[in-house]
Amino acid sequence: MERISLDALPALGVSHNGRIRKRVWIAPGRLDPVVQYARAVFPPGESAPAHAHADMAEVFTAESGSGEIRINGKAHAFAAGTTIIVEPGETHEIANTGASELVVTYFGVRVR
């Protein structure tokens, strides 16, 4: 058993945009096939630019705030209580289009 407190984790910049801060509960390599389990905070106006993963599906849940998530160029509303599953190969980006922080919990699962 391992207990991990969010408050004890360091705040790191996400690889797509260093102004978006994340705290990683499960780091890559810790619990295969989970690639990462983390919580990111998007300040107003910030976005993680479009990208895709050939070997990983990702699941994003908006905890608070509002924004949009684009999947293969199509915009979808993304607000508190919404979960989006992105399949391998789908191009995706998340943007905070609201006036307050957009808080997103997410994890990736490696596919083979």
N, C-alpha and C. Protein backbone atom coordinates (compact mmCIF):
# COMPACT_ATOMS: atom_id res chain seq x y z
N MET A 1 0.85 -1.18 0.00
CA MET A 1 0.00 0.00 0.00
C MET A 1 0.89 1.23 0.00
N GLU A 2 0.46 2.21 -0.77
CA GLU A 2 1.18 3.48 -0.82
C GLU A 2 0.16 4.60 -0.72
N ARG A 3 0.38 5.55 0.16
CA ARG A 3 -0.51 6.71 0.32
C ARG A 3 0.23 7.93 -0.18
N ILE A 4 -0.42 8.68 -1.08
CA ILE A 4 0.22 9.85 -1.69
C ILE A 4 -0.68 11.06 -1.47
N SER A 5 -0.13 12.09 -0.87
CA SER A 5 -0.87 13.32 -0.61
C SER A 5 -0.58 14.34 -1.70
N LEU A 6 -1.61 14.88 -2.30
CA LEU A 6 -1.45 15.87 -3.36
C LEU A 6 -0.61 17.05 -2.89
N ASP A 7 -0.83 17.50 -1.66
CA ASP A 7 -0.10 18.66 -1.15
C ASP A 7 1.40 18.41 -0.99
N ALA A 8 1.81 17.15 -0.88
CA ALA A 8 3.23 16.83 -0.70
C ALA A 8 3.98 16.71 -2.03
N LEU A 9 3.26 16.73 -3.14
CA LEU A 9 3.88 16.56 -4.45
C LEU A 9 4.37 17.90 -5.00
N PRO A 10 5.52 17.92 -5.68
CA PRO A 10 6.00 19.17 -6.26
C PRO A 10 5.15 19.58 -7.46
N ALA A 11 5.01 20.88 -7.66
CA ALA A 11 4.31 21.41 -8.82
C ALA A 11 5.32 21.55 -9.96
N LEU A 12 5.05 20.86 -11.06
CA LEU A 12 5.94 20.84 -12.22
C LEU A 12 5.25 21.46 -13.42
N GLY A 13 5.99 21.98 -14.36
CA GLY A 13 5.41 22.46 -15.60
C GLY A 13 5.11 21.27 -16.51
N VAL A 14 4.00 21.32 -17.23
CA VAL A 14 3.71 20.24 -18.18
C VAL A 14 4.59 20.42 -19.41
N SER A 15 4.88 19.33 -20.09
CA SER A 15 5.81 19.39 -21.22
C SER A 15 5.29 20.24 -22.37
N HIS A 16 3.98 20.38 -22.50
CA HIS A 16 3.39 21.12 -23.60
C HIS A 16 3.32 22.63 -23.34
N ASN A 17 3.36 23.03 -22.05
CA ASN A 17 3.26 24.44 -21.69
C ASN A 17 3.68 24.59 -20.23
N GLY A 18 4.84 25.14 -19.98
CA GLY A 18 5.38 25.25 -18.63
C GLY A 18 4.58 26.12 -17.69
N ARG A 19 3.68 26.96 -18.21
CA ARG A 19 2.83 27.79 -17.34
C ARG A 19 1.68 26.99 -16.73
N ILE A 20 1.41 25.82 -17.30
CA ILE A 20 0.41 24.91 -16.73
C ILE A 20 1.16 24.04 -15.72
N ARG A 21 0.69 24.02 -14.49
CA ARG A 21 1.38 23.30 -13.42
C ARG A 21 0.66 21.98 -13.14
N LYS A 22 1.45 20.92 -12.90
CA LYS A 22 0.87 19.61 -12.59
C LYS A 22 1.55 19.01 -11.37
N ARG A 23 0.81 18.13 -10.72
CA ARG A 23 1.33 17.32 -9.62
C ARG A 23 1.05 15.88 -10.01
N VAL A 24 2.06 15.04 -9.97
CA VAL A 24 1.97 13.68 -10.49
C VAL A 24 1.82 12.68 -9.34
N TRP A 25 0.67 12.01 -9.28
CA TRP A 25 0.45 10.96 -8.29
C TRP A 25 1.20 9.70 -8.67
N ILE A 26 1.08 9.28 -9.93
CA ILE A 26 1.76 8.09 -10.41
C ILE A 26 2.64 8.51 -11.59
N ALA A 27 3.95 8.37 -11.42
CA ALA A 27 4.90 8.77 -12.46
C ALA A 27 5.06 7.67 -13.50
N PRO A 28 5.52 8.04 -14.69
CA PRO A 28 5.78 7.03 -15.72
C PRO A 28 6.69 5.92 -15.19
N GLY A 29 6.33 4.68 -15.50
CA GLY A 29 7.13 3.53 -15.08
C GLY A 29 6.78 2.97 -13.73
N ARG A 30 5.97 3.66 -12.95
CA ARG A 30 5.64 3.21 -11.59
C ARG A 30 4.62 2.08 -11.57
N LEU A 31 3.62 2.13 -12.46
CA LEU A 31 2.51 1.18 -12.40
C LEU A 31 2.04 0.86 -13.81
N ASP A 32 2.86 0.12 -14.55
CA ASP A 32 2.53 -0.22 -15.94
C ASP A 32 1.22 -1.00 -15.98
N PRO A 33 0.28 -0.70 -16.86
CA PRO A 33 0.33 0.11 -18.07
C PRO A 33 -0.10 1.56 -17.87
N VAL A 34 -0.27 2.04 -16.62
CA VAL A 34 -0.60 3.45 -16.41
C VAL A 34 0.65 4.26 -16.73
N VAL A 35 0.52 5.19 -17.66
CA VAL A 35 1.67 6.00 -18.05
C VAL A 35 1.90 7.11 -17.04
N GLN A 36 0.82 7.74 -16.59
CA GLN A 36 0.91 8.82 -15.63
C GLN A 36 -0.48 9.08 -15.07
N TYR A 37 -0.55 9.49 -13.82
CA TYR A 37 -1.80 9.93 -13.21
C TYR A 37 -1.48 11.25 -12.53
N ALA A 38 -2.12 12.35 -12.98
CA ALA A 38 -1.71 13.67 -12.53
C ALA A 38 -2.89 14.63 -12.47
N ARG A 39 -2.62 15.79 -11.91
CA ARG A 39 -3.60 16.88 -11.80
C ARG A 39 -2.92 18.14 -12.31
N ALA A 40 -3.53 18.79 -13.32
CA ALA A 40 -2.95 19.99 -13.91
C ALA A 40 -3.86 21.19 -13.67
N VAL A 41 -3.24 22.34 -13.46
CA VAL A 41 -3.96 23.59 -13.26
C VAL A 41 -3.62 24.53 -14.42
N PHE A 42 -4.65 24.86 -15.22
CA PHE A 42 -4.50 25.75 -16.37
C PHE A 42 -4.94 27.15 -15.94
N PRO A 43 -4.04 28.12 -15.89
CA PRO A 43 -4.47 29.49 -15.64
C PRO A 43 -5.38 29.97 -16.78
N PRO A 44 -6.20 31.01 -16.54
CA PRO A 44 -7.04 31.54 -17.61
C PRO A 44 -6.21 31.88 -18.86
N GLY A 45 -6.71 31.47 -20.02
CA GLY A 45 -6.06 31.77 -21.28
C GLY A 45 -4.98 30.79 -21.70
N GLU A 46 -4.56 29.87 -20.83
CA GLU A 46 -3.49 28.92 -21.17
C GLU A 46 -4.05 27.68 -21.85
N SER A 47 -3.19 27.05 -22.66
CA SER A 47 -3.61 25.83 -23.34
C SER A 47 -2.43 24.87 -23.49
N ALA A 48 -2.75 23.61 -23.58
CA ALA A 48 -1.78 22.58 -23.95
C ALA A 48 -1.98 22.36 -25.44
N PRO A 49 -1.00 22.68 -26.27
CA PRO A 49 -1.20 22.64 -27.72
C PRO A 49 -1.48 21.24 -28.25
N ALA A 50 -1.99 21.21 -29.46
CA ALA A 50 -2.40 19.96 -30.11
C ALA A 50 -1.24 18.99 -30.23
N HIS A 51 -1.54 17.74 -29.88
CA HIS A 51 -0.57 16.66 -30.00
C HIS A 51 -1.32 15.33 -29.98
N ALA A 52 -0.63 14.26 -30.27
CA ALA A 52 -1.24 12.92 -30.26
C ALA A 52 -0.23 11.93 -29.71
N HIS A 53 -0.73 10.80 -29.23
CA HIS A 53 0.11 9.71 -28.72
C HIS A 53 -0.26 8.44 -29.47
N ALA A 54 0.71 7.81 -30.09
CA ALA A 54 0.44 6.59 -30.85
C ALA A 54 0.23 5.39 -29.95
N ASP A 55 0.83 5.42 -28.76
CA ASP A 55 0.84 4.24 -27.90
C ASP A 55 0.09 4.42 -26.58
N MET A 56 -0.77 5.44 -26.48
CA MET A 56 -1.42 5.72 -25.22
C MET A 56 -2.81 6.33 -25.42
N ALA A 57 -3.76 5.86 -24.61
CA ALA A 57 -5.07 6.51 -24.49
C ALA A 57 -4.98 7.41 -23.26
N GLU A 58 -5.72 8.52 -23.26
CA GLU A 58 -5.73 9.41 -22.10
C GLU A 58 -7.16 9.69 -21.68
N VAL A 59 -7.35 9.84 -20.36
CA VAL A 59 -8.64 10.15 -19.79
C VAL A 59 -8.49 11.46 -19.01
N PHE A 60 -9.31 12.46 -19.36
CA PHE A 60 -9.25 13.78 -18.73
C PHE A 60 -10.58 14.06 -18.02
N THR A 61 -10.52 14.51 -16.77
CA THR A 61 -11.71 14.92 -16.03
C THR A 61 -11.52 16.35 -15.54
N ALA A 62 -12.46 17.22 -15.86
CA ALA A 62 -12.42 18.60 -15.37
C ALA A 62 -12.97 18.60 -13.94
N GLU A 63 -12.15 19.03 -13.01
CA GLU A 63 -12.57 19.14 -11.61
C GLU A 63 -13.30 20.46 -11.35
N SER A 64 -12.74 21.54 -11.91
CA SER A 64 -13.34 22.86 -11.72
C SER A 64 -12.92 23.75 -12.88
N GLY A 65 -13.65 24.83 -13.06
CA GLY A 65 -13.38 25.74 -14.15
C GLY A 65 -14.05 25.29 -15.43
N SER A 66 -13.70 25.98 -16.52
CA SER A 66 -14.30 25.64 -17.81
C SER A 66 -13.33 25.96 -18.93
N GLY A 67 -13.53 25.26 -20.03
CA GLY A 67 -12.69 25.46 -21.19
C GLY A 67 -13.21 24.63 -22.33
N GLU A 68 -12.31 24.26 -23.20
CA GLU A 68 -12.68 23.37 -24.30
C GLU A 68 -11.56 22.39 -24.54
N ILE A 69 -11.95 21.25 -25.09
CA ILE A 69 -10.99 20.25 -25.52
C ILE A 69 -11.27 20.01 -27.00
N ARG A 70 -10.23 20.05 -27.80
CA ARG A 70 -10.36 19.79 -29.24
C ARG A 70 -9.83 18.40 -29.52
N ILE A 71 -10.65 17.61 -30.18
CA ILE A 71 -10.27 16.26 -30.59
C ILE A 71 -10.31 16.26 -32.12
N ASN A 72 -9.17 15.99 -32.73
CA ASN A 72 -9.06 16.01 -34.19
C ASN A 72 -9.65 17.27 -34.79
N GLY A 73 -9.40 18.42 -34.13
CA GLY A 73 -9.83 19.72 -34.62
C GLY A 73 -11.24 20.13 -34.26
N LYS A 74 -12.03 19.25 -33.67
CA LYS A 74 -13.41 19.57 -33.30
C LYS A 74 -13.48 19.96 -31.82
N ALA A 75 -14.03 21.15 -31.54
CA ALA A 75 -14.11 21.66 -30.17
C ALA A 75 -15.29 21.05 -29.42
N HIS A 76 -15.02 20.73 -28.14
CA HIS A 76 -16.04 20.21 -27.23
C HIS A 76 -15.96 20.99 -25.94
N ALA A 77 -17.10 21.35 -25.36
CA ALA A 77 -17.12 22.02 -24.06
C ALA A 77 -16.48 21.10 -23.02
N PHE A 78 -15.71 21.70 -22.13
CA PHE A 78 -15.01 20.93 -21.10
C PHE A 78 -15.10 21.70 -19.80
N ALA A 79 -15.98 21.26 -18.91
CA ALA A 79 -16.23 21.97 -17.66
C ALA A 79 -16.33 20.96 -16.52
N ALA A 80 -16.35 21.48 -15.30
CA ALA A 80 -16.38 20.64 -14.10
C ALA A 80 -17.39 19.51 -14.24
N GLY A 81 -16.93 18.29 -13.91
CA GLY A 81 -17.78 17.12 -13.97
C GLY A 81 -17.76 16.39 -15.29
N THR A 82 -17.03 16.88 -16.26
CA THR A 82 -16.96 16.26 -17.59
C THR A 82 -15.70 15.39 -17.69
N THR A 83 -15.85 14.19 -18.24
CA THR A 83 -14.72 13.31 -18.52
C THR A 83 -14.67 13.04 -20.02
N ILE A 84 -13.47 13.12 -20.57
CA ILE A 84 -13.24 12.87 -21.99
C ILE A 84 -12.20 11.77 -22.13
N ILE A 85 -12.48 10.79 -22.97
CA ILE A 85 -11.50 9.74 -23.28
C ILE A 85 -10.94 10.03 -24.68
N VAL A 86 -9.62 10.11 -24.76
CA VAL A 86 -8.93 10.35 -26.03
C VAL A 86 -8.23 9.05 -26.43
N GLU A 87 -8.57 8.55 -27.58
CA GLU A 87 -8.01 7.28 -28.06
C GLU A 87 -6.61 7.50 -28.65
N PRO A 88 -5.78 6.46 -28.70
CA PRO A 88 -4.46 6.59 -29.33
C PRO A 88 -4.59 7.13 -30.75
N GLY A 89 -3.70 8.04 -31.10
CA GLY A 89 -3.69 8.62 -32.44
C GLY A 89 -4.59 9.82 -32.62
N GLU A 90 -5.50 10.09 -31.68
CA GLU A 90 -6.36 11.27 -31.81
C GLU A 90 -5.59 12.51 -31.38
N THR A 91 -5.59 13.52 -32.23
CA THR A 91 -4.95 14.79 -31.89
C THR A 91 -5.86 15.52 -30.91
N HIS A 92 -5.25 16.03 -29.82
CA HIS A 92 -6.04 16.68 -28.78
C HIS A 92 -5.30 17.87 -28.18
N GLU A 93 -6.09 18.83 -27.73
CA GLU A 93 -5.55 19.99 -27.01
C GLU A 93 -6.62 20.47 -26.05
N ILE A 94 -6.16 21.04 -24.94
CA ILE A 94 -7.07 21.57 -23.92
C ILE A 94 -6.76 23.04 -23.75
N ALA A 95 -7.81 23.87 -23.67
CA ALA A 95 -7.64 25.31 -23.47
C ALA A 95 -8.57 25.78 -22.36
N ASN A 96 -8.05 26.64 -21.51
CA ASN A 96 -8.88 27.28 -20.50
C ASN A 96 -9.46 28.53 -21.14
N THR A 97 -10.75 28.50 -21.43
CA THR A 97 -11.43 29.65 -22.04
C THR A 97 -12.24 30.43 -21.01
N GLY A 98 -12.14 30.03 -19.74
CA GLY A 98 -12.90 30.69 -18.68
C GLY A 98 -12.09 31.77 -17.98
N ALA A 99 -12.71 32.35 -16.95
CA ALA A 99 -12.09 33.44 -16.20
C ALA A 99 -11.36 32.96 -14.95
N SER A 100 -11.51 31.67 -14.59
CA SER A 100 -10.83 31.12 -13.42
C SER A 100 -10.00 29.91 -13.84
N GLU A 101 -9.22 29.37 -12.92
CA GLU A 101 -8.38 28.22 -13.24
C GLU A 101 -9.22 27.04 -13.70
N LEU A 102 -8.71 26.30 -14.67
CA LEU A 102 -9.29 25.04 -15.10
C LEU A 102 -8.42 23.95 -14.48
N VAL A 103 -9.02 23.12 -13.61
CA VAL A 103 -8.29 22.06 -12.93
C VAL A 103 -8.69 20.73 -13.55
N VAL A 104 -7.69 19.98 -14.03
CA VAL A 104 -7.92 18.75 -14.78
C VAL A 104 -7.13 17.60 -14.14
N THR A 105 -7.83 16.51 -13.84
CA THR A 105 -7.17 15.27 -13.42
C THR A 105 -7.13 14.38 -14.64
N TYR A 106 -5.98 13.73 -14.86
CA TYR A 106 -5.86 12.91 -16.07
C TYR A 106 -4.92 11.75 -15.85
N PHE A 107 -5.12 10.71 -16.68
CA PHE A 107 -4.18 9.59 -16.68
C PHE A 107 -4.07 9.03 -18.08
N GLY A 108 -2.94 8.41 -18.34
CA GLY A 108 -2.71 7.75 -19.61
C GLY A 108 -2.54 6.26 -19.40
N VAL A 109 -3.02 5.48 -20.36
CA VAL A 109 -2.90 4.03 -20.31
C VAL A 109 -2.20 3.57 -21.58
N ARG A 110 -1.09 2.87 -21.42
CA ARG A 110 -0.34 2.38 -22.57
C ARG A 110 -1.12 1.29 -23.28
N VAL A 111 -1.16 1.37 -24.59
CA VAL A 111 -1.79 0.33 -25.41
C VAL A 111 -0.68 -0.34 -26.21
N ARG A 112 -0.87 -1.58 -26.51
CA ARG A 112 0.18 -2.33 -27.23
C ARG A 112 -0.33 -2.85 -28.52
